[in-house]
Amino acid sequence: MRVGMVAIAMLISTVAGVAVADVTPYKASYAVERGGSQYGEAMRELIQADDGVFELATETEISWLFLSDRRRYWSSFKVEDGVIRPLTFAFKRNGTGKNRSFEGLFDREGEAVRDLESGATLAIDWREDLLDEASLIEQLSHDMLALEDGKQQTYHTVDEKGQKDLQVFQRVGTETLRLPYGEVEAVKVSRIRENSNRETDFWFAPELNGVLVKMQQREDRDEVATLLLRSFK
């Protein structure tokens, strides 16, 4: 069950992402289910400040029997040359087990990622297309809507532990979904993992500015958790 909590919380190309034509503020809420039963909820909210900086907040809260897990992600970024460029990234986890947190700064002048809690420079090779775990979903949605079915894209990211990660995604096709929000047409995207029994699929709705409307995690082909859009504005 812990795998499911981590996977849903992380909702929240070796080439730079395609141009982000339209980043639109929104607020979306989700139900987190397993086997048709609800055991949590999630929220994503994107706002734009006066200085042109976008601020993204993601929160998941899950409880199952005696286990609880609350995770919050914050990301601030600008859109430069049509591509998302992260400025800051923060993560905080509370609940059963050990609490954790991380706060990082993307120092583009120094071409480094810094830990704001310790001031240390992280051991991450600098890349202009480097993303954080939260802003990745925004770039991914725009990229996948522009790709043809079967095409893949690879991303270099900084995860919630302040470590580098490499994530590969493939556009699968288009499906009609019936969600708590209503019926929507969505593009299905799968994360590609090698030598792993974990499977993660994402669905983004073009009619809702590409917002994430569903995510599902499976382990050995069995459902671990599913995220479903409940409201959007």
C-alpha atoms as a PDB file:
ATOM      1  CA  MET A   1       0.000   0.000   0.000  1.00  0.00           C
ATOM      2  CA  ARG A   2       2.914   2.327   0.639  1.00  0.00           C
ATOM      3  CA  VAL A   3       3.846   2.054  -3.055  1.00  0.00           C
ATOM      4  CA  GLY A   4       0.399   3.328  -3.991  1.00  0.00           C
ATOM      5  CA  MET A   5       0.678   6.324  -1.678  1.00  0.00           C
ATOM      6  CA  VAL A   6       4.025   7.279  -3.154  1.00  0.00           C
ATOM      7  CA  ALA A   7       2.872   6.781  -6.741  1.00  0.00           C
ATOM      8  CA  ILE A   8      -0.279   8.878  -6.436  1.00  0.00           C
ATOM      9  CA  ALA A   9       1.548  11.606  -4.519  1.00  0.00           C
ATOM     10  CA  MET A  10       4.027  12.014  -7.371  1.00  0.00           C
ATOM     11  CA  LEU A  11       1.310  13.448  -9.474  1.00  0.00           C
ATOM     12  CA  ILE A  12       1.895  14.509  -8.617  1.00  0.00           C
ATOM     13  CA  SER A  13      12.824  13.568 -23.524  1.00  0.00           C
ATOM     14  CA  THR A  14      16.566  13.909 -23.552  1.00  0.00           C
ATOM     15  CA  VAL A  15      15.451  16.762 -25.785  1.00  0.00           C
ATOM     16  CA  ALA A  16      13.889  19.945 -24.478  1.00  0.00           C
ATOM     17  CA  GLY A  17      10.100  19.936 -24.240  1.00  0.00           C
ATOM     18  CA  VAL A  18       8.025  21.254 -27.093  1.00  0.00           C
ATOM     19  CA  ALA A  19       6.788  24.817 -26.916  1.00  0.00           C
ATOM     20  CA  VAL A  20       4.180  25.395 -24.229  1.00  0.00           C
ATOM     21  CA  ALA A  21       1.729  27.477 -26.196  1.00  0.00           C
ATOM     22  CA  ASP A  22      -0.750  28.238 -23.433  1.00  0.00           C
ATOM     23  CA  VAL A  23      -0.202  27.809 -19.699  1.00  0.00           C
ATOM     24  CA  THR A  24      -3.553  28.575 -18.077  1.00  0.00           C
ATOM     25  CA  PRO A  25      -4.189  28.832 -14.320  1.00  0.00           C
ATOM     26  CA  TYR A  26      -6.585  26.219 -12.960  1.00  0.00           C
ATOM     27  CA  LYS A  27      -7.720  24.365  -9.856  1.00  0.00           C
ATOM     28  CA  ALA A  28      -8.529  20.664  -9.982  1.00  0.00           C
ATOM     29  CA  SER A  29      -9.638  18.225  -7.296  1.00  0.00           C
ATOM     30  CA  TYR A  30      -9.459  14.440  -7.480  1.00  0.00           C
ATOM     31  CA  ALA A  31     -10.729  11.298  -5.811  1.00  0.00           C
ATOM     32  CA  VAL A  32      -8.170   8.589  -5.064  1.00  0.00           C
ATOM     33  CA  GLU A  33      -9.660   5.100  -5.403  1.00  0.00           C
ATOM     34  CA  ARG A  34      -8.747   1.459  -5.304  1.00  0.00           C
ATOM     35  CA  GLY A  35     -11.084  -1.259  -6.461  1.00  0.00           C
ATOM     36  CA  GLY A  36     -13.876   1.278  -6.759  1.00  0.00           C
ATOM     37  CA  SER A  37     -13.582   2.422  -3.136  1.00  0.00           C
ATOM     38  CA  GLN A  38     -12.319   5.884  -2.223  1.00  0.00           C
ATOM     39  CA  TYR A  39      -9.451   6.135   0.209  1.00  0.00           C
ATOM     40  CA  GLY A  40      -8.097   9.607  -0.385  1.00  0.00           C
ATOM     41  CA  GLU A  41      -8.244  12.869  -2.269  1.00  0.00           C
ATOM     42  CA  ALA A  42      -5.887  15.153  -4.130  1.00  0.00           C
ATOM     43  CA  MET A  43      -5.662  18.721  -5.424  1.00  0.00           C
ATOM     44  CA  ARG A  44      -3.622  20.592  -8.037  1.00  0.00           C
ATOM     45  CA  GLU A  45      -3.713  24.373  -8.373  1.00  0.00           C
ATOM     46  CA  LEU A  46      -1.788  26.583 -10.793  1.00  0.00           C
ATOM     47  CA  ILE A  47      -1.791  30.356 -10.358  1.00  0.00           C
ATOM     48  CA  GLN A  48       0.109  33.167 -12.105  1.00  0.00           C
ATOM     49  CA  ALA A  49       1.706  35.985 -10.128  1.00  0.00           C
ATOM     50  CA  ASP A  50       2.024  39.571 -11.349  1.00  0.00           C
ATOM     51  CA  ASP A  51       5.689  39.075 -12.277  1.00  0.00           C
ATOM     52  CA  GLY A  52       4.817  36.319 -14.731  1.00  0.00           C
ATOM     53  CA  VAL A  53       5.905  33.515 -12.389  1.00  0.00           C
ATOM     54  CA  PHE A  54       3.608  30.496 -12.216  1.00  0.00           C
ATOM     55  CA  GLU A  55       3.084  28.799  -8.859  1.00  0.00           C
ATOM     56  CA  LEU A  56       1.950  25.181  -8.768  1.00  0.00           C
ATOM     57  CA  ALA A  57       0.708  23.418  -5.623  1.00  0.00           C
ATOM     58  CA  THR A  58      -0.116  19.714  -5.418  1.00  0.00           C
ATOM     59  CA  GLU A  59      -1.474  17.937  -2.360  1.00  0.00           C
ATOM     60  CA  THR A  60      -2.563  14.364  -1.701  1.00  0.00           C
ATOM     61  CA  GLU A  61      -4.083  12.987   1.488  1.00  0.00           C
ATOM     62  CA  ILE A  62      -4.604   9.251   1.802  1.00  0.00           C
ATOM     63  CA  SER A  63      -5.767   7.042   4.667  1.00  0.00           C
ATOM     64  CA  TRP A  64      -6.131   3.275   4.669  1.00  0.00           C
ATOM     65  CA  LEU A  65      -6.882   1.306   7.825  1.00  0.00           C
ATOM     66  CA  PHE A  66      -4.234   2.551  10.310  1.00  0.00           C
ATOM     67  CA  LEU A  67      -2.012   4.160   7.643  1.00  0.00           C
ATOM     68  CA  SER A  68      -2.039   7.842   6.713  1.00  0.00           C
ATOM     69  CA  ASP A  69      -0.012   9.814   4.209  1.00  0.00           C
ATOM     70  CA  ARG A  70      -0.141  13.513   3.338  1.00  0.00           C
ATOM     71  CA  ARG A  71       2.201  14.921   0.686  1.00  0.00           C
ATOM     72  CA  ARG A  72       2.541  18.453  -0.610  1.00  0.00           C
ATOM     73  CA  TYR A  73       4.565  19.681  -3.560  1.00  0.00           C
ATOM     74  CA  TRP A  74       5.231  23.298  -4.509  1.00  0.00           C
ATOM     75  CA  SER A  75       6.873  24.457  -7.721  1.00  0.00           C
ATOM     76  CA  SER A  76       7.438  27.912  -9.148  1.00  0.00           C
ATOM     77  CA  PHE A  77       8.481  28.377 -12.752  1.00  0.00           C
ATOM     78  CA  LYS A  78       8.561  30.688 -15.747  1.00  0.00           C
ATOM     79  CA  VAL A  79       7.804  29.900 -19.355  1.00  0.00           C
ATOM     80  CA  GLU A  80      10.779  30.948 -21.490  1.00  0.00           C
ATOM     81  CA  ASP A  81      10.945  30.363 -25.236  1.00  0.00           C
ATOM     82  CA  GLY A  82       7.824  28.276 -24.855  1.00  0.00           C
ATOM     83  CA  VAL A  83       9.396  25.854 -22.329  1.00  0.00           C
ATOM     84  CA  ILE A  84       8.860  25.509 -18.571  1.00  0.00           C
ATOM     85  CA  ARG A  85      11.904  26.641 -16.553  1.00  0.00           C
ATOM     86  CA  PRO A  86      11.648  25.773 -12.809  1.00  0.00           C
ATOM     87  CA  LEU A  87      12.726  28.347 -10.215  1.00  0.00           C
ATOM     88  CA  THR A  88      12.020  26.599  -6.898  1.00  0.00           C
ATOM     89  CA  PHE A  89      10.741  23.205  -5.777  1.00  0.00           C
ATOM     90  CA  ALA A  90       9.591  22.083  -2.322  1.00  0.00           C
ATOM     91  CA  PHE A  91       8.212  18.861  -0.878  1.00  0.00           C
ATOM     92  CA  LYS A  92       6.804  17.895   2.514  1.00  0.00           C
ATOM     93  CA  ARG A  93       5.524  14.545   3.718  1.00  0.00           C
ATOM     94  CA  ASN A  94       3.639  13.809   6.975  1.00  0.00           C
ATOM     95  CA  GLY A  95       1.887  10.680   8.229  1.00  0.00           C
ATOM     96  CA  THR A  96       2.611   7.111   9.256  1.00  0.00           C
ATOM     97  CA  GLY A  97       6.348   6.502   9.331  1.00  0.00           C
ATOM     98  CA  LYS A  98       9.104   9.050   8.890  1.00  0.00           C
ATOM     99  CA  ASN A  99       8.285  12.640   7.909  1.00  0.00           C
ATOM    100  CA  ARG A 100      10.426  14.161   5.155  1.00  0.00           C
ATOM    101  CA  SER A 101      10.925  17.503   3.446  1.00  0.00           C
ATOM    102  CA  PHE A 102      13.047  19.105   0.749  1.00  0.00           C
ATOM    103  CA  GLU A 103      13.366  22.599  -0.678  1.00  0.00           C
ATOM    104  CA  GLY A 104      15.499  23.402  -3.703  1.00  0.00           C
ATOM    105  CA  LEU A 105      16.490  26.352  -5.870  1.00  0.00           C
ATOM    106  CA  PHE A 106      17.238  26.154  -9.588  1.00  0.00           C
ATOM    107  CA  ASP A 107      20.186  28.568  -9.810  1.00  0.00           C
ATOM    108  CA  ARG A 108      20.345  29.179 -13.544  1.00  0.00           C
ATOM    109  CA  GLU A 109      23.121  31.776 -13.335  1.00  0.00           C
ATOM    110  CA  GLY A 110      25.266  29.355 -11.346  1.00  0.00           C
ATOM    111  CA  GLU A 111      24.033  26.420 -13.450  1.00  0.00           C
ATOM    112  CA  ALA A 112      23.301  24.348 -10.355  1.00  0.00           C
ATOM    113  CA  VAL A 113      20.505  23.097  -8.108  1.00  0.00           C
ATOM    114  CA  ARG A 114      20.885  24.131  -4.476  1.00  0.00           C
ATOM    115  CA  ASP A 115      19.370  22.771  -1.270  1.00  0.00           C
ATOM    116  CA  LEU A 116      17.767  25.796   0.413  1.00  0.00           C
ATOM    117  CA  GLU A 117      17.700  24.073   3.812  1.00  0.00           C
ATOM    118  CA  SER A 118      21.459  23.445   3.925  1.00  0.00           C
ATOM    119  CA  GLY A 119      22.727  25.813   1.246  1.00  0.00           C
ATOM    120  CA  ALA A 120      24.608  22.933  -0.368  1.00  0.00           C
ATOM    121  CA  THR A 121      24.932  22.435  -4.111  1.00  0.00           C
ATOM    122  CA  LEU A 122      23.326  19.158  -5.131  1.00  0.00           C
ATOM    123  CA  ALA A 123      25.234  16.546  -7.101  1.00  0.00           C
ATOM    124  CA  ILE A 124      23.110  16.998 -10.206  1.00  0.00           C
ATOM    125  CA  ASP A 125      24.518  17.687 -13.648  1.00  0.00           C
ATOM    126  CA  TRP A 126      23.046  20.979 -14.825  1.00  0.00           C
ATOM    127  CA  ARG A 127      20.830  20.974 -17.907  1.00  0.00           C
ATOM    128  CA  GLU A 128      18.688  23.793 -19.282  1.00  0.00           C
ATOM    129  CA  ASP A 129      15.773  21.381 -19.691  1.00  0.00           C
ATOM    130  CA  LEU A 130      15.963  20.132 -16.082  1.00  0.00           C
ATOM    131  CA  LEU A 131      12.522  19.890 -14.429  1.00  0.00           C
ATOM    132  CA  ASP A 132      11.283  19.179 -10.922  1.00  0.00           C
ATOM    133  CA  GLU A 133       8.843  16.412  -9.990  1.00  0.00           C
ATOM    134  CA  ALA A 134       5.838  18.770  -9.932  1.00  0.00           C
ATOM    135  CA  SER A 135       6.395  20.964 -13.003  1.00  0.00           C
ATOM    136  CA  LEU A 136       7.184  17.824 -15.018  1.00  0.00           C
ATOM    137  CA  ILE A 137       3.452  17.036 -15.232  1.00  0.00           C
ATOM    138  CA  GLU A 138       2.732  20.446 -16.787  1.00  0.00           C
ATOM    139  CA  GLN A 139       5.448  20.077 -19.436  1.00  0.00           C
ATOM    140  CA  LEU A 140       4.507  16.443 -20.042  1.00  0.00           C
ATOM    141  CA  SER A 141       0.884  17.283 -20.806  1.00  0.00           C
ATOM    142  CA  HIS A 142       1.825  19.871 -23.461  1.00  0.00           C
ATOM    143  CA  ASP A 143       4.463  17.604 -25.009  1.00  0.00           C
ATOM    144  CA  MET A 144       2.245  14.540 -25.233  1.00  0.00           C
ATOM    145  CA  LEU A 145      -0.696  16.409 -26.760  1.00  0.00           C
ATOM    146  CA  ALA A 146       1.644  17.464 -29.585  1.00  0.00           C
ATOM    147  CA  LEU A 147       3.165  14.016 -30.243  1.00  0.00           C
ATOM    148  CA  GLU A 148       1.920  11.221 -32.479  1.00  0.00           C
ATOM    149  CA  ASP A 149       0.761   7.935 -30.954  1.00  0.00           C
ATOM    150  CA  GLY A 150       3.676   5.641 -30.152  1.00  0.00           C
ATOM    151  CA  LYS A 151       6.229   8.462 -29.800  1.00  0.00           C
ATOM    152  CA  GLN A 152       8.356   8.766 -26.652  1.00  0.00           C
ATOM    153  CA  GLN A 153       9.914  11.626 -24.704  1.00  0.00           C
ATOM    154  CA  THR A 154      12.586  11.541 -21.983  1.00  0.00           C
ATOM    155  CA  TYR A 155      12.919  14.012 -19.098  1.00  0.00           C
ATOM    156  CA  HIS A 156      15.708  14.837 -16.652  1.00  0.00           C
ATOM    157  CA  THR A 157      14.209  15.698 -13.274  1.00  0.00           C
ATOM    158  CA  VAL A 158      14.952  16.508  -9.632  1.00  0.00           C
ATOM    159  CA  ASP A 159      12.875  14.298  -7.329  1.00  0.00           C
ATOM    160  CA  GLU A 160      11.453  14.915  -3.836  1.00  0.00           C
ATOM    161  CA  LYS A 161      14.733  13.726  -2.259  1.00  0.00           C
ATOM    162  CA  GLY A 162      16.781  16.263  -4.200  1.00  0.00           C
ATOM    163  CA  GLN A 163      18.224  13.529  -6.426  1.00  0.00           C
ATOM    164  CA  LYS A 164      18.385  13.315 -10.204  1.00  0.00           C
ATOM    165  CA  ASP A 165      16.028  11.054 -12.073  1.00  0.00           C
ATOM    166  CA  LEU A 166      15.392  10.084 -15.687  1.00  0.00           C
ATOM    167  CA  GLN A 167      11.799   9.468 -16.755  1.00  0.00           C
ATOM    168  CA  VAL A 168      10.573   8.186 -20.123  1.00  0.00           C
ATOM    169  CA  PHE A 169       6.962   8.490 -21.338  1.00  0.00           C
ATOM    170  CA  GLN A 170       5.096   7.263 -24.405  1.00  0.00           C
ATOM    171  CA  ARG A 171       1.897   8.556 -25.955  1.00  0.00           C
ATOM    172  CA  VAL A 172      -0.460   5.582 -26.312  1.00  0.00           C
ATOM    173  CA  GLY A 173      -3.609   7.003 -27.896  1.00  0.00           C
ATOM    174  CA  THR A 174      -6.943   8.699 -27.196  1.00  0.00           C
ATOM    175  CA  GLU A 175      -9.732   7.343 -24.992  1.00  0.00           C
ATOM    176  CA  THR A 176     -13.167   8.432 -23.762  1.00  0.00           C
ATOM    177  CA  LEU A 177     -13.251   8.471 -19.955  1.00  0.00           C
ATOM    178  CA  ARG A 178     -16.226   8.557 -17.609  1.00  0.00           C
ATOM    179  CA  LEU A 179     -15.037  10.320 -14.478  1.00  0.00           C
ATOM    180  CA  PRO A 180     -16.694  11.838 -11.400  1.00  0.00           C
ATOM    181  CA  TYR A 181     -16.229  15.133 -13.282  1.00  0.00           C
ATOM    182  CA  GLY A 182     -18.083  13.814 -16.345  1.00  0.00           C
ATOM    183  CA  GLU A 183     -17.221  12.350 -19.734  1.00  0.00           C
ATOM    184  CA  VAL A 184     -14.037  13.620 -21.400  1.00  0.00           C
ATOM    185  CA  GLU A 185     -11.773  12.714 -24.303  1.00  0.00           C
ATOM    186  CA  ALA A 186      -8.222  12.214 -23.058  1.00  0.00           C
ATOM    187  CA  VAL A 187      -4.767  11.326 -24.341  1.00  0.00           C
ATOM    188  CA  LYS A 188      -3.307   8.278 -22.596  1.00  0.00           C
ATOM    189  CA  VAL A 189       0.389   8.340 -21.672  1.00  0.00           C
ATOM    190  CA  SER A 190       2.424   5.499 -20.171  1.00  0.00           C
ATOM    191  CA  ARG A 191       5.625   5.771 -18.195  1.00  0.00           C
ATOM    192  CA  ILE A 192       8.270   3.421 -19.602  1.00  0.00           C
ATOM    193  CA  ARG A 193      10.308   1.508 -17.018  1.00  0.00           C
ATOM    194  CA  GLU A 194      12.899  -1.169 -17.625  1.00  0.00           C
ATOM    195  CA  ASN A 195      13.023  -4.292 -15.447  1.00  0.00           C
ATOM    196  CA  SER A 196      10.121  -3.187 -13.252  1.00  0.00           C
ATOM    197  CA  ASN A 197       6.744  -4.723 -12.378  1.00  0.00           C
ATOM    198  CA  ARG A 198       5.288  -1.266 -11.770  1.00  0.00           C
ATOM    199  CA  GLU A 199       3.099   0.373 -14.406  1.00  0.00           C
ATOM    200  CA  THR A 200       1.892   3.984 -14.395  1.00  0.00           C
ATOM    201  CA  ASP A 201      -0.525   5.543 -16.871  1.00  0.00           C
ATOM    202  CA  PHE A 202      -1.639   9.174 -17.182  1.00  0.00           C
ATOM    203  CA  TRP A 203      -4.560  10.730 -19.060  1.00  0.00           C
ATOM    204  CA  PHE A 204      -4.613  14.399 -20.158  1.00  0.00           C
ATOM    205  CA  ALA A 205      -7.716  16.146 -21.561  1.00  0.00           C
ATOM    206  CA  PRO A 206      -7.149  18.563 -24.489  1.00  0.00           C
ATOM    207  CA  GLU A 207     -10.599  20.099 -23.915  1.00  0.00           C
ATOM    208  CA  LEU A 208      -9.492  21.098 -20.389  1.00  0.00           C
ATOM    209  CA  ASN A 209      -6.243  22.753 -21.498  1.00  0.00           C
ATOM    210  CA  GLY A 210      -4.383  19.474 -21.151  1.00  0.00           C
ATOM    211  CA  VAL A 211      -5.003  19.067 -17.418  1.00  0.00           C
ATOM    212  CA  LEU A 212      -4.321  15.686 -15.796  1.00  0.00           C
ATOM    213  CA  VAL A 213      -7.704  13.928 -15.437  1.00  0.00           C
ATOM    214  CA  LYS A 214      -6.676  10.392 -14.451  1.00  0.00           C
ATOM    215  CA  MET A 215      -3.641   8.479 -13.241  1.00  0.00           C
ATOM    216  CA  GLN A 216      -3.374   4.797 -12.415  1.00  0.00           C
ATOM    217  CA  GLN A 217      -0.628   2.795 -10.710  1.00  0.00           C
ATOM    218  CA  ARG A 218      -0.413  -0.994 -11.011  1.00  0.00           C
ATOM    219  CA  GLU A 219       1.920  -3.520  -9.414  1.00  0.00           C
ATOM    220  CA  ASP A 220       2.213  -6.957 -11.051  1.00  0.00           C
ATOM    221  CA  ARG A 221      -0.804  -5.895 -13.162  1.00  0.00           C
ATOM    222  CA  ASP A 222      -2.960  -5.382 -10.036  1.00  0.00           C
ATOM    223  CA  GLU A 223      -4.381  -1.918  -9.364  1.00  0.00           C
ATOM    224  CA  VAL A 224      -2.631  -0.101  -6.524  1.00  0.00           C
ATOM    225  CA  ALA A 225      -4.406   3.254  -6.787  1.00  0.00           C
ATOM    226  CA  THR A 226      -6.295   5.379  -9.311  1.00  0.00           C
ATOM    227  CA  LEU A 227      -6.637   9.157  -9.382  1.00  0.00           C
ATOM    228  CA  LEU A 228      -9.860  10.531 -10.970  1.00  0.00           C
ATOM    229  CA  LEU A 229     -10.798  14.138 -11.733  1.00  0.00           C
ATOM    230  CA  ARG A 230     -13.710  15.329  -9.609  1.00  0.00           C
ATOM    231  CA  SER A 231     -13.875  19.071 -10.283  1.00  0.00           C
ATOM    232  CA  PHE A 232     -12.093  21.590 -12.505  1.00  0.00           C
ATOM    233  CA  LYS A 233     -12.168  25.354 -12.861  1.00  0.00           C
END
